Amino acid sequence: MYEVKEGDFILSGIDARNGAFGIIPKELDGAIVTNDFWYFDIDENIVDKHLFLELTSTQWFDEICRKGSDGTTQRIRLQKNKFFNQEINLPAVGEQGEFISWFKQCKQKSNELTSEITHQQTLLKKLRQSILQEAIEGKLTADWRQQNPDVEPASELLARIQAEKAQLIKDKKIKKQKALPPISEEEKPFKLPEGWEWCRLNELILENPRNGYSPKAVEFQTGTKTLKLGATTTGKFIDTKIKYINEKIERDSFLWLEHGDILIQRGNSIDFVGVSAIYDGGEH
């Protein structure tokens, strides 16, 4: 174990590649560290301490640590012969002050740009939400509805769907679903345009949602593909996000997708749970 002092440069021999390094601050002067840490005096006759601190906070230094490390996936350490033998280019000491000023200006502009991008992304998200809200309230299609007064009302469409479901149940192609209570006035968040109807999702689908199948994938091509989560995370179906399984699925299985099927993610990170996409490919 060793004692470090204010101003020392310290880095972890285990996690340096992940950014575990820096300058010892005043409040840690005299701290005790283990043999897993390296620490050094900075020779300011060669490099300005402020420049050194800026350079070690960049991906450039992360890469130096990565190249200077070795070991297994679970235990990667800095290797002295690899780390210290790397060559780096530094401006002359007399030029380093000007370089630091330029570097900080670039860093500030980069931070400002990043902040602006984040702000614009927030505004874009709000715009999308606003457009979606106006869409479901019928505001975006008001002119179109006025120009097309004879379009089929939603009540007739719902009636046709129910008739189709009733026939499929009679033919024993689907099971009868549990009846749901009608939508009460308290459940309606806003008034709909004339011809529109409130309905439950269950009234629009032929069958209740069913879980998919996620067997272990294989590294070679087979006759059976299964989807990765990435196939629907964008809200649009991506047919290249697939993997192969070494199993035979019967052709009459419900697991085979059909054109127009709706896929909903039921398990993922919080940002993607519930994201859906429409399968626009062919059968099987």
Protein backbone atom coordinates (compact mmCIF):
# COMPACT_ATOMS: atom_id res chain seq x y z
CA MET A 1 0.00 0.00 0.00
CA TYR A 2 1.17 3.52 -0.76
CA GLU A 3 0.46 7.13 0.18
CA VAL A 4 -0.39 9.61 -2.58
CA LYS A 5 -0.19 13.39 -2.50
CA GLU A 6 -2.08 16.25 -4.05
CA GLY A 7 -1.21 16.73 -7.73
CA ASP A 8 -0.13 13.14 -8.37
CA PHE A 9 -1.50 11.47 -11.48
CA ILE A 10 -3.14 8.18 -10.50
CA LEU A 11 -4.65 5.40 -12.55
CA SER A 12 -6.03 1.97 -11.83
CA GLY A 13 -4.08 -0.93 -13.24
CA ILE A 14 -7.35 -2.84 -13.60
CA ASP A 15 -9.88 -0.33 -14.95
CA ALA A 16 -7.76 2.35 -16.62
CA ARG A 17 -9.25 1.42 -19.99
CA ASN A 18 -12.65 2.42 -18.55
CA GLY A 19 -11.50 5.87 -17.46
CA ALA A 20 -10.30 5.04 -13.92
CA PHE A 21 -7.59 7.71 -13.64
CA GLY A 22 -7.08 11.39 -12.75
CA ILE A 23 -5.22 13.98 -10.68
CA ILE A 24 -5.25 13.64 -6.87
CA PRO A 25 -7.24 16.63 -5.49
CA LYS A 26 -6.40 18.51 -2.30
CA GLU A 27 -9.02 16.68 -0.22
CA LEU A 28 -7.35 13.32 -1.00
CA ASP A 29 -3.82 14.43 -0.15
CA GLY A 30 -2.24 11.67 1.96
CA ALA A 31 -4.75 9.01 0.88
CA ILE A 32 -3.64 5.35 0.95
CA VAL A 33 -3.93 3.27 -2.21
CA THR A 34 -3.32 -0.41 -2.95
CA ASN A 35 -0.87 -2.02 -5.33
CA ASP A 36 -3.58 -2.02 -8.03
CA PHE A 37 -2.97 1.72 -8.55
CA TRP A 38 -0.11 3.47 -10.32
CA TYR A 39 0.72 7.05 -9.42
CA PHE A 40 3.25 9.53 -10.79
CA ASP A 41 4.64 13.03 -10.37
CA ILE A 42 3.97 15.13 -13.48
CA ASP A 43 7.15 16.65 -14.91
CA GLU A 44 5.97 20.14 -15.83
CA ASN A 45 9.27 20.77 -17.61
CA ILE A 46 7.90 18.47 -20.29
CA VAL A 47 4.14 18.82 -20.11
CA ASP A 48 1.85 21.44 -18.58
CA LYS A 49 -0.28 19.85 -15.85
CA HIS A 50 -3.45 21.42 -17.25
CA LEU A 51 -2.68 20.04 -20.70
CA PHE A 52 -1.95 16.65 -19.22
CA LEU A 53 -5.28 16.67 -17.40
CA GLU A 54 -7.16 17.64 -20.56
CA LEU A 55 -5.43 14.98 -22.67
CA THR A 56 -6.09 12.20 -20.17
CA SER A 57 -9.81 13.04 -20.25
CA THR A 58 -10.10 12.19 -23.95
CA GLN A 59 -10.76 8.99 -25.87
CA TRP A 60 -7.17 9.27 -27.10
CA PHE A 61 -5.90 8.35 -23.62
CA ASP A 62 -8.58 5.66 -23.25
CA GLU A 63 -7.14 4.08 -26.38
CA ILE A 64 -3.59 4.26 -24.97
CA CYS A 65 -4.83 2.42 -21.87
CA ARG A 66 -6.59 -0.16 -24.00
CA LYS A 67 -3.48 -0.84 -26.07
CA GLY A 68 -1.41 -1.02 -22.90
CA SER A 69 -3.66 -3.64 -21.27
CA ASP A 70 -3.71 -7.40 -21.43
CA GLY A 71 -5.45 -10.33 -19.78
CA THR A 72 -8.73 -12.22 -19.82
CA THR A 73 -12.15 -10.63 -20.32
CA GLN A 74 -12.85 -10.61 -16.57
CA ARG A 75 -9.36 -9.47 -15.48
CA ILE A 76 -7.69 -7.02 -17.85
CA ARG A 77 -4.72 -5.14 -16.38
CA LEU A 78 -2.30 -2.51 -17.56
CA GLN A 79 1.02 -4.03 -18.59
CA LYS A 80 4.04 -1.77 -17.90
CA ASN A 81 6.00 -2.90 -20.95
CA LYS A 82 3.04 -2.15 -23.24
CA PHE A 83 1.83 1.01 -21.53
CA PHE A 84 5.14 2.86 -21.10
CA ASN A 85 6.59 1.95 -24.50
CA GLN A 86 3.89 3.77 -26.45
CA GLU A 87 5.02 6.90 -28.27
CA ILE A 88 2.96 10.10 -28.07
CA ASN A 89 3.34 13.48 -29.71
CA LEU A 90 3.37 16.63 -27.57
CA PRO A 91 3.71 20.28 -28.63
CA ALA A 92 6.73 22.17 -27.30
CA VAL A 93 6.36 23.43 -23.72
CA GLY A 94 6.23 27.03 -24.92
CA GLU A 95 3.34 26.22 -27.25
CA GLN A 96 1.29 24.16 -24.80
CA GLY A 97 -0.48 27.16 -23.24
CA GLU A 98 -1.84 28.21 -26.63
CA PHE A 99 -2.77 24.61 -27.38
CA ILE A 100 -4.69 24.34 -24.06
CA SER A 101 -6.63 27.52 -24.91
CA TRP A 102 -7.53 26.16 -28.35
CA PHE A 103 -8.42 22.75 -26.93
CA LYS A 104 -10.74 24.23 -24.29
CA GLN A 105 -12.49 26.37 -26.91
CA CYS A 106 -13.11 23.28 -29.04
CA LYS A 107 -14.31 21.39 -25.99
CA GLN A 108 -16.69 24.20 -25.04
CA LYS A 109 -18.10 24.35 -28.58
CA SER A 110 -18.51 20.58 -28.56
CA ASN A 111 -20.38 20.73 -25.22
CA GLU A 112 -22.60 23.55 -26.49
CA LEU A 113 -23.38 21.57 -29.64
CA THR A 114 -24.16 18.46 -27.63
CA SER A 115 -26.46 20.49 -25.37
CA GLU A 116 -28.24 22.00 -28.37
CA ILE A 117 -28.69 18.59 -29.98
CA THR A 118 -30.20 17.28 -26.74
CA HIS A 119 -32.51 20.30 -26.60
CA GLN A 120 -33.61 19.82 -30.21
CA GLN A 121 -34.24 16.11 -29.59
CA THR A 122 -36.46 17.06 -26.65
CA LEU A 123 -38.40 19.52 -28.82
CA LEU A 124 -38.70 16.89 -31.57
CA LYS A 125 -40.12 14.40 -29.09
CA LYS A 126 -42.66 16.98 -27.92
CA LEU A 127 -43.55 17.76 -31.55
CA ARG A 128 -44.15 14.09 -32.29
CA GLN A 129 -46.35 13.78 -29.22
CA SER A 130 -48.28 16.90 -30.26
CA ILE A 131 -48.78 15.59 -33.81
CA LEU A 132 -49.93 12.21 -32.48
CA GLN A 133 -52.36 13.89 -30.09
CA GLU A 134 -53.85 16.00 -32.88
CA ALA A 135 -54.07 12.89 -35.06
CA ILE A 136 -56.06 10.83 -32.54
CA GLU A 137 -58.35 13.80 -31.90
CA GLY A 138 -59.10 14.06 -35.61
CA LYS A 139 -57.64 17.54 -36.04
CA LEU A 140 -55.19 16.52 -38.76
CA THR A 141 -57.90 15.03 -40.96
CA ALA A 142 -60.61 17.68 -40.53
CA ASP A 143 -60.23 19.07 -44.07
CA TRP A 144 -60.05 15.58 -45.59
CA ARG A 145 -63.26 14.51 -43.82
CA GLN A 146 -65.03 17.63 -45.06
CA GLN A 147 -64.00 16.80 -48.63
CA ASN A 148 -65.01 13.12 -48.23
CA PRO A 149 -68.36 13.12 -46.38
CA ASP A 150 -69.37 9.69 -47.73
CA VAL A 151 -66.48 7.76 -46.14
CA GLU A 152 -67.56 4.69 -44.17
CA PRO A 153 -68.19 5.56 -40.49
CA ALA A 154 -66.26 3.69 -37.83
CA SER A 155 -69.47 2.09 -36.50
CA GLU A 156 -69.96 0.18 -39.77
CA LEU A 157 -66.32 -0.92 -39.84
CA LEU A 158 -66.59 -2.23 -36.26
CA ALA A 159 -69.78 -4.07 -37.19
CA ARG A 160 -68.02 -5.80 -40.11
CA ILE A 161 -65.13 -6.81 -37.87
CA GLN A 162 -67.52 -8.29 -35.33
CA ALA A 163 -69.36 -10.18 -38.08
CA GLU A 164 -66.08 -11.61 -39.39
CA LYS A 165 -65.06 -12.68 -35.88
CA ALA A 166 -68.43 -14.30 -35.31
CA GLN A 167 -68.04 -16.34 -38.51
CA LEU A 168 -64.52 -17.43 -37.55
CA ILE A 169 -65.79 -18.53 -34.15
CA LYS A 170 -68.62 -20.46 -35.80
CA ASP A 171 -66.09 -22.14 -38.10
CA LYS A 172 -63.97 -22.94 -35.02
CA LYS A 173 -60.98 -21.10 -36.44
CA ILE A 174 -60.68 -18.82 -33.41
CA LYS A 175 -61.93 -19.00 -29.84
CA LYS A 176 -64.68 -16.80 -28.48
CA GLN A 177 -63.27 -13.91 -26.48
CA LYS A 178 -64.46 -12.75 -23.09
CA ALA A 179 -66.90 -9.88 -23.49
CA LEU A 180 -65.62 -6.52 -22.28
CA PRO A 181 -67.77 -3.79 -20.73
CA PRO A 182 -68.72 -0.84 -22.97
CA ILE A 183 -66.59 2.30 -22.72
CA SER A 184 -68.07 4.69 -20.19
CA GLU A 185 -68.20 8.45 -20.61
CA GLU A 186 -65.64 8.81 -17.81
CA GLU A 187 -63.12 6.81 -19.86
CA LYS A 188 -63.33 9.12 -22.87
CA PRO A 189 -60.59 11.78 -22.60
CA PHE A 190 -61.91 14.00 -25.40
CA LYS A 191 -64.72 14.34 -27.93
CA LEU A 192 -64.34 12.52 -31.23
CA PRO A 193 -65.24 13.86 -34.68
CA GLU A 194 -68.50 12.75 -36.25
CA GLY A 195 -68.21 9.23 -37.65
CA TRP A 196 -65.47 8.17 -35.25
CA GLU A 197 -66.03 5.68 -32.43
CA TRP A 198 -64.33 4.79 -29.18
CA CYS A 199 -63.53 1.07 -28.98
CA ARG A 200 -61.33 -1.32 -27.11
CA LEU A 201 -58.33 -2.95 -28.78
CA ASN A 202 -59.98 -6.32 -28.28
CA GLU A 203 -62.75 -5.25 -30.68
CA LEU A 204 -60.26 -4.72 -33.50
CA ILE A 205 -58.26 -7.94 -33.33
CA LEU A 206 -59.39 -11.39 -34.34
CA GLU A 207 -57.67 -13.15 -31.45
CA ASN A 208 -56.22 -12.24 -28.08
CA PRO A 209 -52.49 -11.51 -28.10
CA ARG A 210 -50.28 -14.59 -27.95
CA ASN A 211 -46.71 -14.96 -26.80
CA GLY A 212 -44.00 -15.73 -29.29
CA TYR A 213 -41.32 -18.38 -28.96
CA SER A 214 -37.66 -17.70 -28.14
CA PRO A 215 -35.60 -20.90 -28.29
CA LYS A 216 -31.82 -20.90 -28.26
CA ALA A 217 -30.37 -19.67 -31.53
CA VAL A 218 -27.69 -21.47 -33.53
CA GLU A 219 -24.72 -20.03 -35.41
CA PHE A 220 -25.57 -21.69 -38.74
CA GLN A 221 -28.40 -21.24 -41.23
CA THR A 222 -31.43 -23.49 -40.93
CA GLY A 223 -34.88 -23.54 -42.45
CA THR A 224 -36.41 -21.76 -39.46
CA LYS A 225 -35.87 -18.10 -38.64
CA THR A 226 -36.94 -16.28 -35.51
CA LEU A 227 -36.97 -12.55 -34.83
CA LYS A 228 -34.59 -10.52 -32.72
CA LEU A 229 -35.98 -7.69 -30.60
CA GLY A 230 -34.30 -5.25 -32.97
CA ALA A 231 -36.81 -6.25 -35.64
CA THR A 232 -39.42 -3.98 -34.07
CA THR A 233 -37.64 -1.52 -31.73
CA THR A 234 -37.86 1.31 -34.29
CA GLY A 235 -41.62 0.94 -34.64
CA LYS A 236 -41.14 -0.38 -38.17
CA PHE A 237 -40.53 -4.02 -39.05
CA ILE A 238 -36.92 -4.75 -40.11
CA ASP A 239 -36.66 -8.13 -41.82
CA THR A 240 -32.87 -8.41 -41.44
CA LYS A 241 -33.03 -8.65 -37.64
CA ILE A 242 -33.34 -12.43 -37.46
CA LYS A 243 -31.58 -15.47 -36.04
CA TYR A 244 -31.82 -19.17 -36.81
CA ILE A 245 -33.10 -22.01 -34.63
CA ASN A 246 -32.45 -25.69 -35.15
CA GLU A 247 -36.07 -26.74 -34.72
CA LYS A 248 -38.89 -27.66 -37.04
CA ILE A 249 -42.10 -25.68 -36.52
CA GLU A 250 -45.26 -27.21 -37.92
CA ARG A 251 -46.71 -25.28 -40.85
CA ASP A 252 -50.09 -24.88 -39.16
CA SER A 253 -48.54 -23.37 -36.03
CA PHE A 254 -49.70 -19.90 -34.98
CA LEU A 255 -46.02 -18.98 -34.55
CA TRP A 256 -45.64 -18.36 -38.28
CA LEU A 257 -46.20 -14.70 -39.11
CA GLU A 258 -48.80 -13.59 -41.59
CA HIS A 259 -48.88 -10.35 -43.55
CA GLY A 260 -50.42 -7.59 -41.42
CA ASP A 261 -49.73 -9.18 -38.03
CA ILE A 262 -49.02 -6.70 -35.23
CA LEU A 263 -45.92 -7.44 -33.16
CA ILE A 264 -45.66 -5.90 -29.67
CA GLN A 265 -42.58 -6.09 -27.46
CA ARG A 266 -43.63 -7.46 -24.05
CA GLY A 267 -40.13 -7.68 -22.60
CA ASN A 268 -37.25 -5.22 -23.07
CA SER A 269 -35.82 -2.09 -21.44
CA ILE A 270 -38.38 0.48 -20.28
CA ASP A 271 -37.85 2.55 -23.45
CA PHE A 272 -38.97 -0.28 -25.72
CA VAL A 273 -41.62 -2.24 -23.80
CA GLY A 274 -44.87 -1.84 -25.71
CA VAL A 275 -43.24 -0.74 -28.96
CA SER A 276 -45.11 -2.30 -31.88
CA ALA A 277 -44.60 -2.85 -35.58
CA ILE A 278 -46.65 -4.32 -38.41
CA TYR A 279 -45.24 -7.37 -40.17
CA ASP A 280 -45.30 -6.55 -43.86
CA GLY A 281 -43.62 -9.67 -45.22
CA GLY A 282 -45.06 -12.86 -46.64
CA GLU A 283 -46.34 -15.92 -44.81
CA HIS A 284 -43.82 -18.38 -43.31
